[in-house]
């Protein structure tokens, strides 16, 4: 028998002092809130912003997705 997940499990996963930090980061960088474009920008920025963005993807239940090949740079083709 599977254990039931508590309704408000996220409150235990995120400390009180960190709640809303990713939304604030998004607003400081010109977005209206958390959106896929903000997640992509945060992943490109790296560091703590990247970790917050990937956490947002993990808890979004399919609303957001991982950016595709952000770390890979496109090579210029020779003609």
N, C-alpha and C. Protein backbone atom coordinates (compact mmCIF):
# COMPACT_ATOMS: atom_id res chain seq x y z
N UNK A 1 0.85 -1.18 0.00
CA UNK A 1 0.00 0.00 0.00
C UNK A 1 0.89 1.24 0.00
N UNK A 2 0.66 2.14 -0.93
CA UNK A 2 1.48 3.34 -1.06
C UNK A 2 1.11 4.36 0.02
N UNK A 3 2.15 5.06 0.47
CA UNK A 3 1.89 6.12 1.45
C UNK A 3 1.29 7.33 0.75
N UNK A 4 0.39 8.00 1.43
CA UNK A 4 -0.22 9.19 0.88
C UNK A 4 0.70 10.38 1.10
N UNK A 5 0.86 11.20 0.09
CA UNK A 5 1.68 12.40 0.21
C UNK A 5 0.85 13.48 0.91
N UNK A 6 1.42 14.14 1.91
CA UNK A 6 0.67 15.21 2.57
C UNK A 6 0.30 16.31 1.57
N UNK A 7 -0.82 16.96 1.80
CA UNK A 7 -1.32 17.97 0.87
C UNK A 7 -0.33 19.13 0.72
N UNK A 8 0.28 19.55 1.79
CA UNK A 8 1.18 20.71 1.77
C UNK A 8 2.63 20.29 1.99
N UNK A 9 3.11 19.31 1.23
CA UNK A 9 4.47 18.81 1.41
C UNK A 9 5.51 19.84 1.01
N UNK A 10 5.17 20.75 0.13
CA UNK A 10 6.15 21.72 -0.37
C UNK A 10 6.62 22.66 0.75
N UNK A 11 5.78 22.92 1.74
CA UNK A 11 6.17 23.79 2.84
C UNK A 11 7.36 23.22 3.61
N UNK A 12 7.47 21.91 3.65
CA UNK A 12 8.60 21.28 4.32
C UNK A 12 9.83 21.28 3.43
N UNK A 13 9.64 21.28 2.12
CA UNK A 13 10.76 21.22 1.18
C UNK A 13 11.45 22.57 1.02
N UNK A 14 10.71 23.66 1.16
CA UNK A 14 11.27 25.00 0.96
C UNK A 14 11.25 25.75 2.28
N UNK A 15 12.41 26.23 2.75
CA UNK A 15 12.43 27.00 3.99
C UNK A 15 11.62 28.29 3.85
N UNK A 16 11.12 28.77 4.94
CA UNK A 16 10.30 29.97 4.95
C UNK A 16 11.03 31.17 4.33
N UNK A 17 12.33 31.26 4.56
CA UNK A 17 13.10 32.40 4.05
C UNK A 17 13.31 32.35 2.54
N UNK A 18 13.06 31.19 1.91
CA UNK A 18 13.28 31.04 0.47
C UNK A 18 12.00 31.08 -0.35
N UNK A 19 10.85 31.15 0.29
CA UNK A 19 9.59 31.12 -0.43
C UNK A 19 9.41 32.40 -1.23
N UNK A 20 9.13 32.23 -2.51
CA UNK A 20 8.90 33.39 -3.37
C UNK A 20 10.14 34.00 -3.97
N UNK A 21 11.33 33.45 -3.67
CA UNK A 21 12.56 34.04 -4.19
C UNK A 21 12.66 33.91 -5.70
N UNK A 22 12.21 32.79 -6.25
CA UNK A 22 12.32 32.63 -7.70
C UNK A 22 11.37 33.58 -8.42
N UNK A 23 10.19 33.79 -7.86
CA UNK A 23 9.27 34.76 -8.47
C UNK A 23 9.86 36.16 -8.42
N UNK A 24 10.50 36.51 -7.33
CA UNK A 24 11.16 37.82 -7.22
C UNK A 24 12.29 37.93 -8.25
N UNK A 25 13.05 36.86 -8.42
CA UNK A 25 14.12 36.86 -9.40
C UNK A 25 13.55 37.12 -10.79
N UNK A 26 12.45 36.45 -11.11
CA UNK A 26 11.81 36.62 -12.42
C UNK A 26 11.35 38.06 -12.63
N UNK A 27 10.73 38.63 -11.61
CA UNK A 27 10.24 40.01 -11.73
C UNK A 27 11.40 41.00 -11.88
N UNK A 28 12.51 40.77 -11.17
CA UNK A 28 13.67 41.66 -11.30
C UNK A 28 14.27 41.61 -12.69
N UNK A 29 14.10 40.49 -13.37
CA UNK A 29 14.67 40.33 -14.71
C UNK A 29 13.66 40.59 -15.82
N UNK A 30 12.56 41.26 -15.50
CA UNK A 30 11.63 41.74 -16.51
C UNK A 30 10.48 40.84 -16.88
N UNK A 31 10.25 39.78 -16.14
CA UNK A 31 9.12 38.89 -16.40
C UNK A 31 7.98 39.24 -15.46
N UNK A 32 6.76 38.87 -15.81
CA UNK A 32 5.60 39.17 -14.97
C UNK A 32 5.44 38.18 -13.82
N UNK A 33 6.25 37.17 -13.81
CA UNK A 33 6.18 36.12 -12.79
C UNK A 33 6.90 34.90 -13.33
N UNK A 34 6.63 33.77 -12.73
CA UNK A 34 7.28 32.54 -13.18
C UNK A 34 6.62 32.08 -14.47
N UNK A 35 7.41 31.91 -15.51
CA UNK A 35 6.92 31.42 -16.80
C UNK A 35 8.06 30.62 -17.44
N UNK A 36 7.77 29.99 -18.56
CA UNK A 36 8.79 29.17 -19.20
C UNK A 36 9.98 30.02 -19.66
N UNK A 37 9.73 31.22 -20.13
CA UNK A 37 10.82 32.09 -20.58
C UNK A 37 11.73 32.46 -19.41
N UNK A 38 11.15 32.68 -18.24
CA UNK A 38 11.93 33.00 -17.05
C UNK A 38 12.76 31.79 -16.63
N UNK A 39 12.20 30.61 -16.71
CA UNK A 39 12.93 29.40 -16.37
C UNK A 39 14.12 29.23 -17.30
N UNK A 40 13.91 29.46 -18.60
CA UNK A 40 15.00 29.36 -19.56
C UNK A 40 16.10 30.36 -19.25
N UNK A 41 15.73 31.59 -18.90
CA UNK A 41 16.72 32.62 -18.58
C UNK A 41 17.50 32.26 -17.32
N UNK A 42 16.82 31.73 -16.33
CA UNK A 42 17.48 31.36 -15.08
C UNK A 42 18.46 30.21 -15.28
N UNK A 43 18.10 29.26 -16.13
CA UNK A 43 19.00 28.14 -16.41
C UNK A 43 20.25 28.65 -17.13
N UNK A 44 20.06 29.59 -18.06
CA UNK A 44 21.22 30.17 -18.75
C UNK A 44 22.10 30.96 -17.79
N UNK A 45 21.48 31.61 -16.79
CA UNK A 45 22.24 32.42 -15.83
C UNK A 45 23.11 31.54 -14.93
N UNK A 46 22.62 30.34 -14.62
CA UNK A 46 23.39 29.41 -13.80
C UNK A 46 23.31 29.75 -12.32
N UNK A 47 24.06 29.04 -11.52
CA UNK A 47 24.13 29.27 -10.08
C UNK A 47 22.84 28.96 -9.35
N UNK A 48 22.54 29.78 -8.35
CA UNK A 48 21.36 29.55 -7.52
C UNK A 48 20.07 29.74 -8.31
N UNK A 49 20.06 30.67 -9.26
CA UNK A 49 18.87 30.88 -10.09
C UNK A 49 18.55 29.62 -10.88
N UNK A 50 19.56 28.94 -11.36
CA UNK A 50 19.35 27.71 -12.11
C UNK A 50 18.74 26.63 -11.22
N UNK A 51 19.24 26.52 -10.01
CA UNK A 51 18.69 25.51 -9.09
C UNK A 51 17.24 25.82 -8.75
N UNK A 52 16.91 27.11 -8.54
CA UNK A 52 15.52 27.47 -8.25
C UNK A 52 14.62 27.16 -9.44
N UNK A 53 15.11 27.43 -10.65
CA UNK A 53 14.32 27.17 -11.86
C UNK A 53 14.04 25.69 -12.03
N UNK A 54 15.05 24.87 -11.84
CA UNK A 54 14.85 23.43 -12.01
C UNK A 54 13.94 22.86 -10.92
N UNK A 55 13.99 23.44 -9.72
CA UNK A 55 13.06 23.02 -8.67
C UNK A 55 11.64 23.39 -9.07
N UNK A 56 11.46 24.57 -9.66
CA UNK A 56 10.13 24.98 -10.12
C UNK A 56 9.60 24.03 -11.18
N UNK A 57 10.47 23.57 -12.06
CA UNK A 57 10.06 22.61 -13.09
C UNK A 57 9.63 21.30 -12.43
N UNK A 58 10.39 20.86 -11.43
CA UNK A 58 10.09 19.58 -10.79
C UNK A 58 8.77 19.58 -10.03
N UNK A 59 8.38 20.70 -9.47
CA UNK A 59 7.15 20.73 -8.67
C UNK A 59 5.95 21.27 -9.44
N UNK A 60 6.11 21.57 -10.73
CA UNK A 60 5.04 22.20 -11.49
C UNK A 60 3.99 21.24 -12.03
N UNK A 61 4.20 19.94 -11.89
CA UNK A 61 3.26 18.92 -12.38
C UNK A 61 2.98 19.08 -13.87
N UNK A 62 4.03 19.28 -14.66
CA UNK A 62 3.89 19.32 -16.10
C UNK A 62 3.60 20.68 -16.71
N UNK A 63 3.45 21.70 -15.90
CA UNK A 63 3.16 23.03 -16.44
C UNK A 63 4.38 23.60 -17.15
N UNK A 64 5.58 23.34 -16.61
CA UNK A 64 6.82 23.80 -17.21
C UNK A 64 7.67 22.59 -17.57
N UNK A 65 8.66 22.79 -18.41
CA UNK A 65 9.53 21.69 -18.83
C UNK A 65 10.98 22.13 -18.80
N UNK A 66 11.89 21.17 -18.83
CA UNK A 66 13.31 21.46 -18.85
C UNK A 66 13.69 22.12 -20.17
N UNK A 67 14.52 23.12 -20.13
CA UNK A 67 14.98 23.75 -21.37
C UNK A 67 15.75 22.75 -22.23
N UNK A 68 15.57 22.83 -23.53
CA UNK A 68 16.24 21.90 -24.44
C UNK A 68 17.62 22.43 -24.82
N UNK A 69 18.61 21.65 -24.58
CA UNK A 69 20.01 21.91 -24.97
C UNK A 69 20.47 23.34 -24.73
N UNK A 70 20.24 23.84 -23.53
CA UNK A 70 20.69 25.19 -23.18
C UNK A 70 22.21 25.23 -23.10
N UNK A 71 22.80 24.17 -22.58
CA UNK A 71 24.24 24.17 -22.37
C UNK A 71 25.02 23.97 -23.67
N UNK A 72 24.39 23.43 -24.68
CA UNK A 72 25.09 23.19 -25.94
C UNK A 72 25.02 24.44 -26.81
N UNK A 73 26.17 24.88 -27.29
CA UNK A 73 26.22 26.02 -28.16
C UNK A 73 26.16 25.54 -29.61
N UNK A 74 25.47 26.28 -30.44
CA UNK A 74 25.37 25.90 -31.84
C UNK A 74 26.69 26.19 -32.54
N UNK A 75 27.12 25.25 -33.36
CA UNK A 75 28.34 25.42 -34.13
C UNK A 75 28.01 26.09 -35.45
N UNK A 76 28.90 26.97 -35.87
CA UNK A 76 28.70 27.62 -37.15
C UNK A 76 29.09 26.63 -38.24
N UNK A 77 28.25 26.57 -39.25
CA UNK A 77 28.53 25.64 -40.35
C UNK A 77 29.45 26.31 -41.37
N UNK A 78 30.31 25.51 -41.95
CA UNK A 78 31.22 26.01 -42.97
C UNK A 78 30.58 25.83 -44.35
N UNK A 79 30.67 26.84 -45.14
CA UNK A 79 30.11 26.74 -46.51
C UNK A 79 31.17 26.94 -47.53
